[in-house]
């Protein structure tokens, strides 16, 4: 049997490696050229042509813990709330801020990402009056960066492929060895992640109306399991309005975890809320 020898960067899986090492380098290199390209994409219509050299970049930002050391009011907040969902990256150019949550080899549900962004936004809002960003002219947006494009409404959604090309393509086209290294490692990891995904979960994404309209087809295809964060316990608490206006449902022919419920459980809850069942 032939043993393939490898280097650590060709098998690396830690999201911190991609989000906190490679990504900041791409954004900061060549006098923050990458950051400028990303901001021009996320904040369309903003004139970034002015030569403003006011940048900020922080990895693993914990707004409550970090601020609690030197500020008594923030310390009180931190004692009350503890650590909350910590974003991978905070970047600022002038009065425009971007809070980045990056995923790579993990593929969380959109509902989980939505909640993570909500908690991050809540933490920053809680301490904002104690920071430079209390001035409302500072605009703070959130970005979800994944292999698979997320569909959440409370953040900007990008894939790593979209980030590399077209957004950062001018930077990655550089012949500098550091840029070529980052490009090679990220592109190789994207290929690995996509290859792994092919052998994993296969979902059908449907809105509530589409799900109800295609019940017979789903049953025929044996796609009788629905991804539902919190599983049966959360379903029992859900309102009809929540179920009908959920962004989408993942449907599969396999129950992948405790966060998956059966189609009949889902329908029973819907019909009970509509008054069709006792």
Foldseek 3Di string as FASTA:
>chain_A
DDDDDDDCLLVDFDVCCVLVPLVVCLQPPPNRPLVLLVCCVVPPPDDPVDPASDKDKDAQDFLLVVVLVPDVVSVVVCVVPPTALTFGMWMDTDLEIEGEHEHELDDDALVVVQVSVVRVVVRCVVCCCVDPNVPPSRHYAYEYEYLDWHDDDRHHTDYPVVSCPPRSVVSLVDPDPSSVVSVVSSVSSSVVSVVVVVPDFDWDKAALVRCVVCVVVCVVVQQFKKQAPPAPVVLLVDALVCNNPPPIITTGNDDDDSRIDTNVSNVVSNCVNVVNHD
